[in-house]
Amino acid sequence: MNRDKVVGAAKDLAGKIQRRAGQAMDDPAMAAKGAAKQVEGKAQKVVGAVKDAVKHDRDEVKPADGSGGSGGTGRSGRSGHYGAP
C-alpha cells in the first residue's frame, strides 16, 4: 500500500463524514463539499492502485539473474575496451 492509497482513503472518509453532516444539518453547500472531497479521495486511491500495479508489473519484468538487462557483462553491451570508439 502506498501513500496515495492511504491519503485517498482518508479523504474519502473525511468527505463522507462531511457530506453526511451537511445532510443532517440541511446544509447543501457542506454536503456538496463533502461529496467533492469523497470523489477526490476515491480518485487518489485509484492513482495509488495504478502505481502499485505498475510497480508490480515492473518488478515482474526485471531479469531473474539481476544483471539489469545488459547481458551480465556489467557494461552497456559495447564490445572492446573502455574508451574505444
PDB file of N, CA and C in Angstrom:
ATOM      1  N   MET A   1       0.856  -1.173   0.000  1.00  0.00           N
ATOM      2  CA  MET A   1       0.000   0.000   0.000  1.00  0.00           C
ATOM      3  C   MET A   1       0.899   1.232   0.000  1.00  0.00           C
ATOM      4  N   ASN A   2       0.561   2.174  -0.863  1.00  0.00           N
ATOM      5  CA  ASN A   2       1.400   3.363  -0.952  1.00  0.00           C
ATOM      6  C   ASN A   2       0.684   4.581  -0.365  1.00  0.00           C
ATOM      7  N   ARG A   3       1.385   5.683  -0.361  1.00  0.00           N
ATOM      8  CA  ARG A   3       0.896   6.915   0.260  1.00  0.00           C
ATOM      9  C   ARG A   3      -0.402   7.394  -0.381  1.00  0.00           C
ATOM     10  N   ASP A   4      -0.506   7.305  -1.706  1.00  0.00           N
ATOM     11  CA  ASP A   4      -1.716   7.773  -2.383  1.00  0.00           C
ATOM     12  C   ASP A   4      -2.955   7.003  -1.932  1.00  0.00           C
ATOM     13  N   LYS A   5      -2.810   5.719  -1.734  1.00  0.00           N
ATOM     14  CA  LYS A   5      -3.959   4.920  -1.287  1.00  0.00           C
ATOM     15  C   LYS A   5      -4.388   5.325   0.123  1.00  0.00           C
ATOM     16  N   VAL A   6      -3.427   5.558   0.996  1.00  0.00           N
ATOM     17  CA  VAL A   6      -3.736   5.917   2.386  1.00  0.00           C
ATOM     18  C   VAL A   6      -4.368   7.304   2.450  1.00  0.00           C
ATOM     19  N   VAL A   7      -3.757   8.270   1.773  1.00  0.00           N
ATOM     20  CA  VAL A   7      -4.290   9.633   1.790  1.00  0.00           C
ATOM     21  C   VAL A   7      -5.653   9.663   1.109  1.00  0.00           C
ATOM     22  N   GLY A   8      -5.797   8.921   0.029  1.00  0.00           N
ATOM     23  CA  GLY A   8      -7.089   8.851  -0.658  1.00  0.00           C
ATOM     24  C   GLY A   8      -8.183   8.277   0.227  1.00  0.00           C
ATOM     25  N   ALA A   9      -7.859   7.234   0.971  1.00  0.00           N
ATOM     26  CA  ALA A   9      -8.845   6.641   1.879  1.00  0.00           C
ATOM     27  C   ALA A   9      -9.240   7.630   2.974  1.00  0.00           C
ATOM     28  N   ALA A  10      -8.260   8.387   3.459  1.00  0.00           N
ATOM     29  CA  ALA A  10      -8.553   9.378   4.499  1.00  0.00           C
ATOM     30  C   ALA A  10      -9.462  10.487   3.952  1.00  0.00           C
ATOM     31  N   LYS A  11      -9.177  10.963   2.738  1.00  0.00           N
ATOM     32  CA  LYS A  11     -10.017  11.994   2.130  1.00  0.00           C
ATOM     33  C   LYS A  11     -11.425  11.470   1.855  1.00  0.00           C
ATOM     34  N   ASP A  12     -11.512  10.237   1.411  1.00  0.00           N
ATOM     35  CA  ASP A  12     -12.816   9.622   1.152  1.00  0.00           C
ATOM     36  C   ASP A  12     -13.640   9.569   2.438  1.00  0.00           C
ATOM     37  N   LEU A  13     -13.027   9.124   3.520  1.00  0.00           N
ATOM     38  CA  LEU A  13     -13.723   9.037   4.799  1.00  0.00           C
ATOM     39  C   LEU A  13     -14.113  10.418   5.317  1.00  0.00           C
ATOM     40  N   ALA A  14     -13.193  11.369   5.248  1.00  0.00           N
ATOM     41  CA  ALA A  14     -13.486  12.735   5.707  1.00  0.00           C
ATOM     42  C   ALA A  14     -14.616  13.340   4.880  1.00  0.00           C
ATOM     43  N   GLY A  15     -14.602  13.085   3.588  1.00  0.00           N
ATOM     44  CA  GLY A  15     -15.664  13.592   2.723  1.00  0.00           C
ATOM     45  C   GLY A  15     -17.010  12.974   3.050  1.00  0.00           C
ATOM     46  N   LYS A  16     -16.998  11.688   3.357  1.00  0.00           N
ATOM     47  CA  LYS A  16     -18.254  11.006   3.711  1.00  0.00           C
ATOM     48  C   LYS A  16     -18.831  11.604   4.991  1.00  0.00           C
ATOM     49  N   ILE A  17     -17.966  11.842   5.966  1.00  0.00           N
ATOM     50  CA  ILE A  17     -18.419  12.437   7.232  1.00  0.00           C
ATOM     51  C   ILE A  17     -18.965  13.843   6.986  1.00  0.00           C
ATOM     52  N   GLN A  18     -18.236  14.633   6.184  1.00  0.00           N
ATOM     53  CA  GLN A  18     -18.674  15.996   5.902  1.00  0.00           C
ATOM     54  C   GLN A  18     -19.991  15.992   5.124  1.00  0.00           C
ATOM     55  N   ARG A  19     -20.122  15.091   4.165  1.00  0.00           N
ATOM     56  CA  ARG A  19     -21.358  15.018   3.374  1.00  0.00           C
ATOM     57  C   ARG A  19     -22.544  14.663   4.253  1.00  0.00           C
ATOM     58  N   ARG A  20     -22.370  13.665   5.109  1.00  0.00           N
ATOM     59  CA  ARG A  20     -23.475  13.252   5.987  1.00  0.00           C
ATOM     60  C   ARG A  20     -23.813  14.334   7.013  1.00  0.00           C
ATOM     61  N   ALA A  21     -22.796  15.036   7.497  1.00  0.00           N
ATOM     62  CA  ALA A  21     -23.055  16.138   8.428  1.00  0.00           C
ATOM     63  C   ALA A  21     -23.844  17.239   7.724  1.00  0.00           C
ATOM     64  N   GLY A  22     -23.479  17.533   6.498  1.00  0.00           N
ATOM     65  CA  GLY A  22     -24.213  18.538   5.731  1.00  0.00           C
ATOM     66  C   GLY A  22     -25.652  18.129   5.484  1.00  0.00           C
ATOM     67  N   GLN A  23     -25.857  16.849   5.211  1.00  0.00           N
ATOM     68  CA  GLN A  23     -27.221  16.356   5.020  1.00  0.00           C
ATOM     69  C   GLN A  23     -28.014  16.439   6.322  1.00  0.00           C
ATOM     70  N   ALA A  24     -27.380  16.076   7.432  1.00  0.00           N
ATOM     71  CA  ALA A  24     -28.072  16.084   8.730  1.00  0.00           C
ATOM     72  C   ALA A  24     -28.431  17.501   9.160  1.00  0.00           C
ATOM     73  N   MET A  25     -27.578  18.462   8.818  1.00  0.00           N
ATOM     74  CA  MET A  25     -27.822  19.849   9.216  1.00  0.00           C
ATOM     75  C   MET A  25     -28.566  20.632   8.133  1.00  0.00           C
ATOM     76  N   ASP A  26     -28.994  19.925   7.088  1.00  0.00           N
ATOM     77  CA  ASP A  26     -29.704  20.543   5.969  1.00  0.00           C
ATOM     78  C   ASP A  26     -28.884  21.695   5.379  1.00  0.00           C
ATOM     79  N   ASP A  27     -27.593  21.419   5.171  1.00  0.00           N
ATOM     80  CA  ASP A  27     -26.666  22.401   4.606  1.00  0.00           C
ATOM     81  C   ASP A  27     -26.138  21.836   3.280  1.00  0.00           C
ATOM     82  N   PRO A  28     -26.793  22.194   2.168  1.00  0.00           N
ATOM     83  CA  PRO A  28     -26.402  21.621   0.878  1.00  0.00           C
ATOM     84  C   PRO A  28     -24.968  21.967   0.459  1.00  0.00           C
ATOM     85  N   ALA A  29     -24.483  23.141   0.843  1.00  0.00           N
ATOM     86  CA  ALA A  29     -23.116  23.517   0.484  1.00  0.00           C
ATOM     87  C   ALA A  29     -22.111  22.597   1.178  1.00  0.00           C
ATOM     88  N   MET A  30     -22.327  22.317   2.447  1.00  0.00           N
ATOM     89  CA  MET A  30     -21.423  21.423   3.182  1.00  0.00           C
ATOM     90  C   MET A  30     -21.504  20.010   2.613  1.00  0.00           C
ATOM     91  N   ALA A  31     -22.707  19.567   2.298  1.00  0.00           N
ATOM     92  CA  ALA A  31     -22.881  18.227   1.729  1.00  0.00           C
ATOM     93  C   ALA A  31     -22.169  18.128   0.381  1.00  0.00           C
ATOM     94  N   ALA A  32     -22.245  19.181  -0.430  1.00  0.00           N
ATOM     95  CA  ALA A  32     -21.591  19.175  -1.735  1.00  0.00           C
ATOM     96  C   ALA A  32     -20.069  19.163  -1.583  1.00  0.00           C
ATOM     97  N   LYS A  33     -19.551  19.928  -0.626  1.00  0.00           N
ATOM     98  CA  LYS A  33     -18.103  19.931  -0.392  1.00  0.00           C
ATOM     99  C   LYS A  33     -17.633  18.551   0.055  1.00  0.00           C
ATOM    100  N   GLY A  34     -18.438  17.923   0.899  1.00  0.00           N
ATOM    101  CA  GLY A  34     -18.084  16.574   1.349  1.00  0.00           C
ATOM    102  C   GLY A  34     -18.099  15.575   0.210  1.00  0.00           C
ATOM    103  N   ALA A  35     -19.098  15.683  -0.659  1.00  0.00           N
ATOM    104  CA  ALA A  35     -19.175  14.774  -1.806  1.00  0.00           C
ATOM    105  C   ALA A  35     -17.971  14.987  -2.727  1.00  0.00           C
ATOM    106  N   ALA A  36     -17.586  16.248  -2.914  1.00  0.00           N
ATOM    107  CA  ALA A  36     -16.418  16.537  -3.753  1.00  0.00           C
ATOM    108  C   ALA A  36     -15.150  15.967  -3.138  1.00  0.00           C
ATOM    109  N   LYS A  37     -15.033  16.065  -1.814  1.00  0.00           N
ATOM    110  CA  LYS A  37     -13.856  15.520  -1.133  1.00  0.00           C
ATOM    111  C   LYS A  37     -13.828  13.999  -1.272  1.00  0.00           C
ATOM    112  N   GLN A  38     -15.009  13.367  -1.234  1.00  0.00           N
ATOM    113  CA  GLN A  38     -15.074  11.921  -1.419  1.00  0.00           C
ATOM    114  C   GLN A  38     -14.575  11.532  -2.808  1.00  0.00           C
ATOM    115  N   VAL A  39     -15.024  12.263  -3.816  1.00  0.00           N
ATOM    116  CA  VAL A  39     -14.595  11.978  -5.186  1.00  0.00           C
ATOM    117  C   VAL A  39     -13.083  12.133  -5.311  1.00  0.00           C
ATOM    118  N   GLU A  40     -12.555  13.195  -4.711  1.00  0.00           N
ATOM    119  CA  GLU A  40     -11.111  13.420  -4.738  1.00  0.00           C
ATOM    120  C   GLU A  40     -10.375  12.252  -4.078  1.00  0.00           C
ATOM    121  N   GLY A  41     -10.888  11.791  -2.942  1.00  0.00           N
ATOM    122  CA  GLY A  41     -10.260  10.672  -2.247  1.00  0.00           C
ATOM    123  C   GLY A  41     -10.309   9.388  -3.050  1.00  0.00           C
ATOM    124  N   LYS A  42     -11.458   9.118  -3.680  1.00  0.00           N
ATOM    125  CA  LYS A  42     -11.577   7.905  -4.486  1.00  0.00           C
ATOM    126  C   LYS A  42     -10.633   7.956  -5.677  1.00  0.00           C
ATOM    127  N   ALA A  43     -10.499   9.140  -6.279  1.00  0.00           N
ATOM    128  CA  ALA A  43      -9.579   9.283  -7.411  1.00  0.00           C
ATOM    129  C   ALA A  43      -8.140   9.056  -6.964  1.00  0.00           C
ATOM    130  N   GLN A  44      -7.781   9.574  -5.807  1.00  0.00           N
ATOM    131  CA  GLN A  44      -6.420   9.400  -5.317  1.00  0.00           C
ATOM    132  C   GLN A  44      -6.153   7.927  -4.990  1.00  0.00           C
ATOM    133  N   LYS A  45      -7.163   7.217  -4.497  1.00  0.00           N
ATOM    134  CA  LYS A  45      -6.987   5.786  -4.245  1.00  0.00           C
ATOM    135  C   LYS A  45      -6.740   5.037  -5.554  1.00  0.00           C
ATOM    136  N   VAL A  46      -7.423   5.441  -6.621  1.00  0.00           N
ATOM    137  CA  VAL A  46      -7.211   4.807  -7.927  1.00  0.00           C
ATOM    138  C   VAL A  46      -5.789   5.072  -8.418  1.00  0.00           C
ATOM    139  N   VAL A  47      -5.317   6.299  -8.235  1.00  0.00           N
ATOM    140  CA  VAL A  47      -3.936   6.632  -8.613  1.00  0.00           C
ATOM    141  C   VAL A  47      -2.966   5.720  -7.863  1.00  0.00           C
ATOM    142  N   GLY A  48      -3.205   5.529  -6.577  1.00  0.00           N
ATOM    143  CA  GLY A  48      -2.353   4.644  -5.791  1.00  0.00           C
ATOM    144  C   GLY A  48      -2.396   3.211  -6.279  1.00  0.00           C
ATOM    145  N   ALA A  49      -3.578   2.744  -6.651  1.00  0.00           N
ATOM    146  CA  ALA A  49      -3.711   1.378  -7.154  1.00  0.00           C
ATOM    147  C   ALA A  49      -2.978   1.211  -8.483  1.00  0.00           C
ATOM    148  N   VAL A  50      -3.057   2.232  -9.339  1.00  0.00           N
ATOM    149  CA  VAL A  50      -2.345   2.176 -10.619  1.00  0.00           C
ATOM    150  C   VAL A  50      -0.835   2.152 -10.378  1.00  0.00           C
ATOM    151  N   LYS A  51      -0.362   2.993  -9.453  1.00  0.00           N
ATOM    152  CA  LYS A  51       1.070   2.997  -9.140  1.00  0.00           C
ATOM    153  C   LYS A  51       1.515   1.628  -8.632  1.00  0.00           C
ATOM    154  N   ASP A  52       0.704   1.006  -7.774  1.00  0.00           N
ATOM    155  CA  ASP A  52       1.047  -0.323  -7.271  1.00  0.00           C
ATOM    156  C   ASP A  52       1.099  -1.338  -8.405  1.00  0.00           C
ATOM    157  N   ALA A  53       0.135  -1.261  -9.324  1.00  0.00           N
ATOM    158  CA  ALA A  53       0.090  -2.204 -10.438  1.00  0.00           C
ATOM    159  C   ALA A  53       1.306  -2.034 -11.341  1.00  0.00           C
ATOM    160  N   VAL A  54       1.676  -0.791 -11.625  1.00  0.00           N
ATOM    161  CA  VAL A  54       2.841  -0.537 -12.470  1.00  0.00           C
ATOM    162  C   VAL A  54       4.105  -1.047 -11.787  1.00  0.00           C
ATOM    163  N   LYS A  55       4.233  -0.790 -10.492  1.00  0.00           N
ATOM    164  CA  LYS A  55       5.411  -1.260  -9.756  1.00  0.00           C
ATOM    165  C   LYS A  55       5.461  -2.787  -9.759  1.00  0.00           C
ATOM    166  N   HIS A  56       4.312  -3.415  -9.570  1.00  0.00           N
ATOM    167  CA  HIS A  56       4.259  -4.877  -9.562  1.00  0.00           C
ATOM    168  C   HIS A  56       4.661  -5.438 -10.923  1.00  0.00           C
ATOM    169  N   ASP A  57       4.126  -4.848 -12.001  1.00  0.00           N
ATOM    170  CA  ASP A  57       4.475  -5.315 -13.338  1.00  0.00           C
ATOM    171  C   ASP A  57       5.947  -5.069 -13.637  1.00  0.00           C
ATOM    172  N   ARG A  58       6.465  -3.914 -13.228  1.00  0.00           N
ATOM    173  CA  ARG A  58       7.867  -3.593 -13.462  1.00  0.00           C
ATOM    174  C   ARG A  58       8.763  -4.591 -12.726  1.00  0.00           C
ATOM    175  N   ASP A  59       8.376  -4.968 -11.513  1.00  0.00           N
ATOM    176  CA  ASP A  59       9.163  -5.930 -10.742  1.00  0.00           C
ATOM    177  C   ASP A  59       9.163  -7.306 -11.404  1.00  0.00           C
ATOM    178  N   GLU A  60       8.064  -7.659 -12.070  1.00  0.00           N
ATOM    179  CA  GLU A  60       7.991  -8.954 -12.735  1.00  0.00           C
ATOM    180  C   GLU A  60       8.846  -9.008 -13.992  1.00  0.00           C
ATOM    181  N   VAL A  61       9.102  -7.863 -14.613  1.00  0.00           N
ATOM    182  CA  VAL A  61       9.835  -7.810 -15.867  1.00  0.00           C
ATOM    183  C   VAL A  61      11.342  -7.857 -15.659  1.00  0.00           C
ATOM    184  N   LYS A  62      11.822  -7.509 -14.480  1.00  0.00           N
ATOM    185  CA  LYS A  62      13.259  -7.494 -14.215  1.00  0.00           C
ATOM    186  C   LYS A  62      13.854  -8.882 -14.447  1.00  0.00           C
ATOM    187  N   PRO A  63      15.070  -8.943 -15.005  1.00  0.00           N
ATOM    188  CA  PRO A  63      15.725 -10.234 -15.216  1.00  0.00           C
ATOM    189  C   PRO A  63      15.957 -10.953 -13.889  1.00  0.00           C
ATOM    190  N   ALA A  64      15.775 -12.257 -13.907  1.00  0.00           N
ATOM    191  CA  ALA A  64      15.901 -13.047 -12.687  1.00  0.00           C
ATOM    192  C   ALA A  64      17.334 -13.101 -12.189  1.00  0.00           C
ATOM    193  N   ASP A  65      18.317 -12.951 -13.090  1.00  0.00           N
ATOM    194  CA  ASP A  65      19.709 -13.054 -12.672  1.00  0.00           C
ATOM    195  C   ASP A  65      20.253 -11.758 -12.094  1.00  0.00           C
ATOM    196  N   GLY A  66      19.446 -10.700 -12.098  1.00  0.00           N
ATOM    197  CA  GLY A  66      19.867  -9.435 -11.512  1.00  0.00           C
ATOM    198  C   GLY A  66      20.878  -8.678 -12.344  1.00  0.00           C
ATOM    199  N   SER A  67      20.989  -9.051 -13.618  1.00  0.00           N
ATOM    200  CA  SER A  67      22.010  -8.425 -14.457  1.00  0.00           C
ATOM    201  C   SER A  67      21.614  -7.032 -14.918  1.00  0.00           C
ATOM    202  N   GLY A  68      20.361  -6.679 -14.775  1.00  0.00           N
ATOM    203  CA  GLY A  68      19.941  -5.357 -15.210  1.00  0.00           C
ATOM    204  C   GLY A  68      19.710  -5.282 -16.703  1.00  0.00           C
ATOM    205  N   GLY A  69      19.716  -6.416 -17.386  1.00  0.00           N
ATOM    206  CA  GLY A  69      19.405  -6.439 -18.796  1.00  0.00           C
ATOM    207  C   GLY A  69      20.580  -6.165 -19.715  1.00  0.00           C
ATOM    208  N   SER A  70      21.784  -6.059 -19.204  1.00  0.00           N
ATOM    209  CA  SER A  70      22.930  -5.759 -20.069  1.00  0.00           C
ATOM    210  C   SER A  70      23.678  -7.027 -20.460  1.00  0.00           C
ATOM    211  N   GLY A  71      23.041  -8.163 -20.289  1.00  0.00           N
ATOM    212  CA  GLY A  71      23.705  -9.406 -20.660  1.00  0.00           C
ATOM    213  C   GLY A  71      24.668  -9.899 -19.594  1.00  0.00           C
ATOM    214  N   GLY A  72      24.705  -9.249 -18.455  1.00  0.00           N
ATOM    215  CA  GLY A  72      25.558  -9.687 -17.367  1.00  0.00           C
ATOM    216  C   GLY A  72      27.005  -9.262 -17.516  1.00  0.00           C
ATOM    217  N   THR A  73      27.317  -8.413 -18.493  1.00  0.00           N
ATOM    218  CA  THR A  73      28.707  -8.008 -18.708  1.00  0.00           C
ATOM    219  C   THR A  73      29.115  -6.877 -17.783  1.00  0.00           C
ATOM    220  N   GLY A  74      28.125  -6.177 -17.222  1.00  0.00           N
ATOM    221  CA  GLY A  74      28.446  -5.050 -16.376  1.00  0.00           C
ATOM    222  C   GLY A  74      28.730  -3.794 -17.172  1.00  0.00           C
ATOM    223  N   ARG A  75      28.624  -3.892 -18.480  1.00  0.00           N
ATOM    224  CA  ARG A  75      28.832  -2.740 -19.357  1.00  0.00           C
ATOM    225  C   ARG A  75      27.564  -2.490 -20.152  1.00  0.00           C
ATOM    226  N   SER A  76      27.605  -1.502 -20.975  1.00  0.00           N
ATOM    227  CA  SER A  76      26.432  -1.119 -21.740  1.00  0.00           C
ATOM    228  C   SER A  76      26.202  -2.012 -22.945  1.00  0.00           C
ATOM    229  N   GLY A  77      26.898  -3.109 -23.052  1.00  0.00           N
ATOM    230  CA  GLY A  77      26.721  -4.026 -24.158  1.00  0.00           C
ATOM    231  C   GLY A  77      27.691  -3.776 -25.299  1.00  0.00           C
ATOM    232  N   ARG A  78      28.531  -2.743 -25.187  1.00  0.00           N
ATOM    233  CA  ARG A  78      29.511  -2.470 -26.243  1.00  0.00           C
ATOM    234  C   ARG A  78      30.659  -3.444 -26.104  1.00  0.00           C
ATOM    235  N   SER A  79      31.198  -3.827 -27.215  1.00  0.00           N
ATOM    236  CA  SER A  79      32.384  -4.678 -27.149  1.00  0.00           C
ATOM    237  C   SER A  79      33.636  -3.826 -27.206  1.00  0.00           C
ATOM    238  N   GLY A  80      34.752  -4.383 -26.856  1.00  0.00           N
ATOM    239  CA  GLY A  80      36.000  -3.659 -26.912  1.00  0.00           C
ATOM    240  C   GLY A  80      36.377  -3.105 -25.555  1.00  0.00           C
ATOM    241  N   HIS A  81      37.374  -2.251 -25.593  1.00  0.00           N
ATOM    242  CA  HIS A  81      37.900  -1.681 -24.366  1.00  0.00           C
ATOM    243  C   HIS A  81      37.131  -0.410 -24.011  1.00  0.00           C
ATOM    244  N   TYR A  82      37.225  -0.046 -22.730  1.00  0.00           N
ATOM    245  CA  TYR A  82      36.628   1.219 -22.309  1.00  0.00           C
ATOM    246  C   TYR A  82      37.379   2.340 -23.028  1.00  0.00           C
ATOM    247  N   GLY A  83      36.672   3.297 -23.486  1.00  0.00           N
ATOM    248  CA  GLY A  83      37.288   4.422 -24.159  1.00  0.00           C
ATOM    249  C   GLY A  83      37.528   4.176 -25.649  1.00  0.00           C
ATOM    250  N   ALA A  84      37.322   2.951 -26.106  1.00  0.00           N
ATOM    251  CA  ALA A  84      37.484   2.690 -27.548  1.00  0.00           C
ATOM    252  C   ALA A  84      36.273   3.252 -28.275  1.00  0.00           C
ATOM    253  N   PRO A  85      36.468   3.819 -29.452  1.00  0.00           N
ATOM    254  CA  PRO A  85      35.347   4.402 -30.183  1.00  0.00           C
ATOM    255  C   PRO A  85      34.386   3.388 -30.719  1.00  0.00           C
TER     256      PRO A  85
END
